[in-house]
Amino acid sequence: MSDVRAKGVRSAGLGLAAWLAGILFFLPIAWMTLTSFHSEEDAATNPPSLAASLTLDGYREFFGAGGGASPWPSLINSAVASLASTLCVLVLALPAAYALSIRPVKKWTDVLFFFLSTKMLPVVAGLLPLYLFAQHTGLLDNIWLLVILYTSMNLPIAVWMMQSFLAEVPKAVIEAARIDGARLPTVLTRVVAPIALPGIAATSLICFIFSWNELLFARVLTGVVAQTAPLFLTGFITSQGLFLAKVCAASLVISLPVLAAGFAAQDKLVQGLSLGAVK
């Protein structure tokens, strides 16, 4: 009985710690949400007032009701760049991960290290060559340049993740498909992809988040036409000061696509992140 009681106490303690950690991470989001419904005067008070009157002025300002720029072009640019680059990453990473796990090439560990080594160069070190290339090719302020850069930025991570996911795919299923005459594209799309769908969903979500949140490339290589949502958000920080309520409203709206994607794919995400961890 003492062992059972000790396990119960330990389980309750771990559960309480998990709840405390969850609340700790959720508090800034809750505070940002509450502040977004305050006026600028109430949001700037120190300490802030929880009982301040609520208003939608921050959201009206964000959506251009106050005469400012509309956020829709920036949101559409972010959606196009994030979705297109994520799709390109999946198309390229799936066969690469297949070659490194199910049909391993020679020295596949060296290949994985090469992919990892591409992330060792600081992004800022490659900005000048990228800027000069974009300038001479007429790709400055072009959304498709961001698609290419986001694809190359996320591809090493996707290959690493999907290699561990695809290593869990039963080899017997693939061999059976080959005996039935299935070629490589059919094996990838109709056999491997459905089995590794949780891992593909997890990889897609992470690539989408990285692309959606990226700021440095968008700041240097875009202007007005290809401006993304994070770059639009920085426009609320002006020489007149920081408009806290509007920044919180804009941050919440810009975060909603990522939160919605994570909520919709949460089951697949949990399965995918645990798929390659258990041998």
Protein backbone atom coordinates (compact mmCIF):
# COMPACT_ATOMS: atom_id res chain seq x y z
CA MET A 1 0.00 0.00 0.00
CA SER A 2 2.87 2.35 0.76
CA ASP A 3 4.27 1.85 -2.75
CA VAL A 4 0.88 2.53 -4.29
CA ARG A 5 0.44 5.63 -2.14
CA ALA A 6 3.94 6.84 -3.03
CA LYS A 7 3.21 6.38 -6.74
CA GLY A 8 -0.08 8.26 -6.33
CA VAL A 9 1.65 11.16 -4.58
CA ARG A 10 4.38 11.24 -7.23
CA SER A 11 1.80 11.21 -10.02
CA ALA A 12 -0.19 14.00 -8.36
CA GLY A 13 3.00 16.03 -7.90
CA LEU A 14 3.95 15.63 -11.55
CA GLY A 15 0.44 16.57 -12.61
CA LEU A 16 0.50 19.69 -10.44
CA ALA A 17 3.91 20.66 -11.83
CA ALA A 18 2.62 20.22 -15.38
CA TRP A 19 -0.40 22.43 -14.64
CA LEU A 20 1.80 25.11 -13.08
CA ALA A 21 4.13 25.06 -16.08
CA GLY A 22 1.15 25.29 -18.45
CA ILE A 23 -0.30 28.24 -16.53
CA LEU A 24 3.11 29.92 -16.47
CA PHE A 25 3.41 29.68 -20.26
CA PHE A 26 -0.22 30.72 -20.80
CA LEU A 27 -0.13 33.85 -18.61
CA PRO A 28 1.72 36.09 -21.13
CA ILE A 29 -0.78 35.11 -23.85
CA ALA A 30 -3.72 35.81 -21.55
CA TRP A 31 -2.20 39.15 -20.54
CA MET A 32 -1.61 40.10 -24.19
CA THR A 33 -5.21 39.20 -25.04
CA LEU A 34 -6.58 41.29 -22.18
CA THR A 35 -4.35 44.26 -23.05
CA SER A 36 -5.51 44.16 -26.67
CA PHE A 37 -9.02 45.04 -25.48
CA HIS A 38 -7.87 48.07 -23.46
CA SER A 39 -7.45 51.64 -24.61
CA GLU A 40 -3.92 52.97 -25.06
CA GLU A 41 -4.27 55.05 -21.88
CA ASP A 42 -5.28 52.04 -19.77
CA ALA A 43 -2.68 49.77 -21.39
CA ALA A 44 0.10 52.26 -20.57
CA THR A 45 -0.71 52.53 -16.85
CA ASN A 46 1.80 51.10 -14.40
CA PRO A 47 0.76 48.82 -12.84
CA PRO A 48 -1.88 47.90 -15.45
CA SER A 49 -5.50 47.84 -14.32
CA LEU A 50 -7.44 44.60 -14.68
CA ALA A 51 -10.72 46.44 -14.18
CA ALA A 52 -10.17 48.89 -17.05
CA SER A 53 -12.98 49.27 -19.56
CA LEU A 54 -12.79 47.09 -22.67
CA THR A 55 -12.75 48.40 -26.22
CA LEU A 56 -12.13 47.19 -29.77
CA ASP A 57 -10.14 50.28 -30.78
CA GLY A 58 -6.90 48.28 -31.05
CA TYR A 59 -8.43 45.87 -33.54
CA ARG A 60 -10.05 48.71 -35.50
CA GLU A 61 -6.67 50.39 -35.79
CA PHE A 62 -5.03 47.13 -36.86
CA PHE A 63 -7.56 46.48 -39.63
CA GLY A 64 -7.17 50.01 -40.96
CA ALA A 65 -10.36 51.59 -39.61
CA GLY A 66 -8.31 54.47 -38.23
CA GLY A 67 -6.91 55.38 -41.62
CA GLY A 68 -3.82 53.20 -41.39
CA ALA A 69 -2.58 50.62 -43.87
CA SER A 70 -4.61 47.45 -44.34
CA PRO A 71 -3.00 44.28 -42.94
CA TRP A 72 -4.59 41.97 -45.50
CA PRO A 73 -1.81 42.18 -48.16
CA SER A 74 0.80 41.33 -45.51
CA LEU A 75 -1.29 38.46 -44.11
CA ILE A 76 -1.83 37.08 -47.63
CA ASN A 77 1.89 37.35 -48.38
CA SER A 78 2.74 35.45 -45.19
CA ALA A 79 0.17 32.77 -46.00
CA VAL A 80 1.47 32.35 -49.57
CA ALA A 81 5.12 32.23 -48.50
CA SER A 82 4.49 29.86 -45.59
CA LEU A 83 2.16 27.44 -47.37
CA ALA A 84 4.10 27.35 -50.64
CA SER A 85 7.47 26.86 -48.93
CA THR A 86 6.06 24.16 -46.65
CA LEU A 87 4.66 22.30 -49.66
CA CYS A 88 8.00 22.56 -51.46
CA VAL A 89 9.81 21.31 -48.36
CA LEU A 90 7.56 18.25 -48.14
CA VAL A 91 7.98 17.44 -51.83
CA LEU A 92 11.77 17.58 -51.48
CA ALA A 93 12.17 16.14 -47.97
CA LEU A 94 10.01 13.02 -48.39
CA PRO A 95 12.15 11.33 -51.09
CA ALA A 96 15.35 12.50 -49.37
CA ALA A 97 14.24 11.01 -46.05
CA TYR A 98 13.17 7.83 -47.86
CA ALA A 99 16.67 7.49 -49.32
CA LEU A 100 18.26 8.06 -45.91
CA SER A 101 16.07 5.68 -43.92
CA ILE A 102 14.14 3.04 -45.86
CA ARG A 103 16.57 2.68 -48.78
CA PRO A 104 19.71 4.03 -47.10
CA VAL A 105 22.42 5.45 -49.33
CA LYS A 106 26.09 4.91 -48.55
CA LYS A 107 27.39 7.03 -45.66
CA TRP A 108 23.89 8.30 -44.93
CA THR A 109 25.05 9.65 -41.58
CA ASP A 110 27.49 11.94 -43.42
CA VAL A 111 24.61 13.16 -45.56
CA LEU A 112 22.57 13.97 -42.46
CA PHE A 113 25.52 15.82 -40.96
CA PHE A 114 25.84 17.83 -44.18
CA PHE A 115 22.19 18.87 -43.89
CA LEU A 116 22.78 19.84 -40.27
CA SER A 117 25.95 21.78 -41.14
CA THR A 118 23.96 24.11 -43.41
CA LYS A 119 22.26 25.46 -40.26
CA MET A 120 25.58 26.34 -38.63
CA LEU A 121 26.10 29.46 -40.75
CA PRO A 122 24.43 32.49 -39.15
CA VAL A 123 21.68 33.80 -41.39
CA VAL A 124 23.01 37.34 -41.14
CA ALA A 125 26.32 36.19 -42.68
CA GLY A 126 24.55 35.34 -45.95
CA LEU A 127 22.35 38.42 -46.18
CA LEU A 128 24.70 40.51 -48.33
CA PRO A 129 25.18 37.84 -51.06
CA LEU A 130 21.44 37.16 -51.04
CA TYR A 131 20.65 40.86 -51.32
CA LEU A 132 23.07 41.35 -54.23
CA PHE A 133 21.67 38.27 -55.97
CA ALA A 134 18.10 39.50 -55.54
CA GLN A 135 19.06 42.97 -56.72
CA HIS A 136 20.74 41.74 -59.92
CA THR A 137 17.95 39.28 -60.75
CA GLY A 138 15.09 41.67 -60.05
CA LEU A 139 13.75 39.58 -57.15
CA LEU A 140 13.83 42.27 -54.48
CA ASP A 141 10.42 42.76 -52.88
CA ASN A 142 9.20 39.53 -54.50
CA ILE A 143 7.23 36.97 -52.50
CA TRP A 144 8.62 34.06 -54.51
CA LEU A 145 12.13 34.88 -53.36
CA LEU A 146 10.91 34.36 -49.79
CA VAL A 147 9.36 31.04 -50.85
CA ILE A 148 12.75 29.87 -52.13
CA LEU A 149 14.59 31.09 -49.05
CA TYR A 150 12.09 29.61 -46.61
CA THR A 151 12.26 26.29 -48.46
CA SER A 152 16.05 26.17 -48.22
CA MET A 153 15.89 27.32 -44.59
CA ASN A 154 13.47 24.59 -43.48
CA LEU A 155 14.60 21.72 -45.72
CA PRO A 156 17.48 20.49 -43.47
CA ILE A 157 15.19 20.40 -40.43
CA ALA A 158 12.48 18.59 -42.38
CA VAL A 159 14.89 15.94 -43.69
CA TRP A 160 16.23 15.29 -40.20
CA MET A 161 12.76 14.96 -38.72
CA MET A 162 11.26 12.85 -41.50
CA GLN A 163 14.27 10.53 -41.60
CA SER A 164 13.50 9.41 -38.05
CA PHE A 165 9.77 9.16 -38.84
CA LEU A 166 10.25 7.09 -41.99
CA ALA A 167 12.69 4.77 -40.22
CA GLU A 168 9.64 3.48 -38.28
CA VAL A 169 7.74 2.49 -41.44
CA PRO A 170 7.59 -1.34 -41.67
CA LYS A 171 9.86 -2.56 -44.47
CA ALA A 172 7.56 -5.50 -45.17
CA VAL A 173 4.77 -3.19 -46.33
CA ILE A 174 7.08 -1.48 -48.82
CA GLU A 175 8.42 -4.78 -50.10
CA ALA A 176 4.87 -6.05 -50.59
CA ALA A 177 4.03 -2.93 -52.61
CA ARG A 178 7.11 -3.44 -54.77
CA ILE A 179 6.21 -7.06 -55.39
CA ASP A 180 2.79 -5.86 -56.57
CA GLY A 181 4.56 -3.67 -59.12
CA ALA A 182 4.34 -0.28 -57.41
CA ARG A 183 6.97 2.19 -58.53
CA LEU A 184 8.77 4.69 -56.31
CA PRO A 185 6.27 7.60 -56.70
CA THR A 186 3.39 5.23 -55.88
CA VAL A 187 5.27 3.80 -52.89
CA LEU A 188 5.97 7.30 -51.56
CA THR A 189 2.46 8.71 -52.01
CA ARG A 190 0.25 5.67 -51.32
CA VAL A 191 2.28 3.55 -48.91
CA VAL A 192 4.90 5.59 -47.06
CA ALA A 193 3.03 8.91 -46.77
CA PRO A 194 -0.18 7.50 -45.17
CA ILE A 195 1.81 5.48 -42.62
CA ALA A 196 4.08 8.42 -41.75
CA LEU A 197 1.24 10.98 -41.84
CA PRO A 198 1.63 12.01 -38.17
CA GLY A 199 5.32 12.70 -38.73
CA ILE A 200 4.59 14.59 -41.95
CA ALA A 201 1.98 16.67 -40.11
CA ALA A 202 4.45 17.51 -37.34
CA THR A 203 7.12 18.46 -39.87
CA SER A 204 4.66 20.58 -41.86
CA LEU A 205 3.49 22.46 -38.79
CA ILE A 206 7.02 23.25 -37.62
CA CYS A 207 8.07 24.43 -41.10
CA PHE A 208 4.91 26.55 -41.35
CA ILE A 209 5.60 28.17 -37.97
CA PHE A 210 9.22 28.94 -38.84
CA SER A 211 8.18 30.48 -42.16
CA TRP A 212 5.29 32.46 -40.70
CA ASN A 213 7.44 33.95 -37.91
CA GLU A 214 10.52 34.74 -40.01
CA LEU A 215 11.46 38.42 -39.96
CA LEU A 216 15.10 38.95 -40.98
CA PHE A 217 14.79 37.93 -44.65
CA ALA A 218 11.50 39.78 -44.97
CA ARG A 219 12.99 42.91 -43.39
CA VAL A 220 16.01 43.06 -45.71
CA LEU A 221 14.69 41.63 -48.99
CA THR A 222 11.13 43.00 -49.13
CA GLY A 223 9.56 46.43 -49.02
CA VAL A 224 5.92 47.15 -49.73
CA VAL A 225 4.72 44.60 -52.29
CA ALA A 226 6.00 41.44 -50.54
CA GLN A 227 5.78 42.69 -46.95
CA THR A 228 4.87 39.89 -44.55
CA ALA A 229 2.80 39.95 -41.36
CA PRO A 230 5.74 40.11 -38.87
CA LEU A 231 7.17 43.04 -40.83
CA PHE A 232 3.78 44.75 -40.78
CA LEU A 233 3.70 44.27 -37.01
CA THR A 234 6.95 46.22 -36.56
CA GLY A 235 5.23 49.24 -38.10
CA PHE A 236 3.36 49.79 -34.84
CA ILE A 237 6.63 50.72 -33.15
CA THR A 238 7.18 54.30 -34.26
CA SER A 239 9.20 57.34 -33.22
CA GLN A 240 6.14 58.46 -31.26
CA GLY A 241 6.45 55.46 -28.97
CA LEU A 242 5.06 51.97 -28.53
CA PHE A 243 1.29 51.69 -28.89
CA LEU A 244 0.87 48.73 -26.58
CA ALA A 245 -2.84 47.99 -27.11
CA LYS A 246 -2.51 48.04 -30.90
CA VAL A 247 0.64 45.91 -30.78
CA CYS A 248 -1.12 43.33 -28.60
CA ALA A 249 -4.16 43.29 -30.91
CA ALA A 250 -1.94 42.90 -33.98
CA SER A 251 0.17 40.20 -32.31
CA LEU A 252 -2.94 38.22 -31.37
CA VAL A 253 -4.42 38.40 -34.87
CA ILE A 254 -1.11 37.45 -36.53
CA SER A 255 -0.68 34.54 -34.11
CA LEU A 256 -4.14 33.11 -34.80
CA PRO A 257 -3.22 31.17 -38.02
CA VAL A 258 -0.39 29.37 -36.22
CA LEU A 259 -2.57 28.67 -33.18
CA ALA A 260 -5.40 27.41 -35.40
CA ALA A 261 -3.04 25.15 -37.37
CA GLY A 262 -1.55 23.76 -34.17
CA PHE A 263 -4.98 23.15 -32.64
CA ALA A 264 -6.28 21.44 -35.78
CA ALA A 265 -3.23 19.17 -36.04
CA GLN A 266 -2.62 18.58 -32.34
CA ASP A 267 -3.43 14.85 -32.46
CA LYS A 268 -1.18 14.25 -35.46
CA LEU A 269 1.46 16.50 -33.92
CA VAL A 270 1.67 14.48 -30.69
CA GLN A 271 1.78 11.21 -32.63
CA GLY A 272 4.39 12.57 -35.03
CA LEU A 273 6.70 13.96 -32.37
CA SER A 274 6.64 10.61 -30.54
CA LEU A 275 6.86 8.47 -33.68
CA GLY A 276 10.60 8.70 -34.13
CA ALA A 277 11.42 8.65 -30.43
CA VAL A 278 10.34 5.09 -29.61
CA LYS A 279 12.35 2.30 -31.17
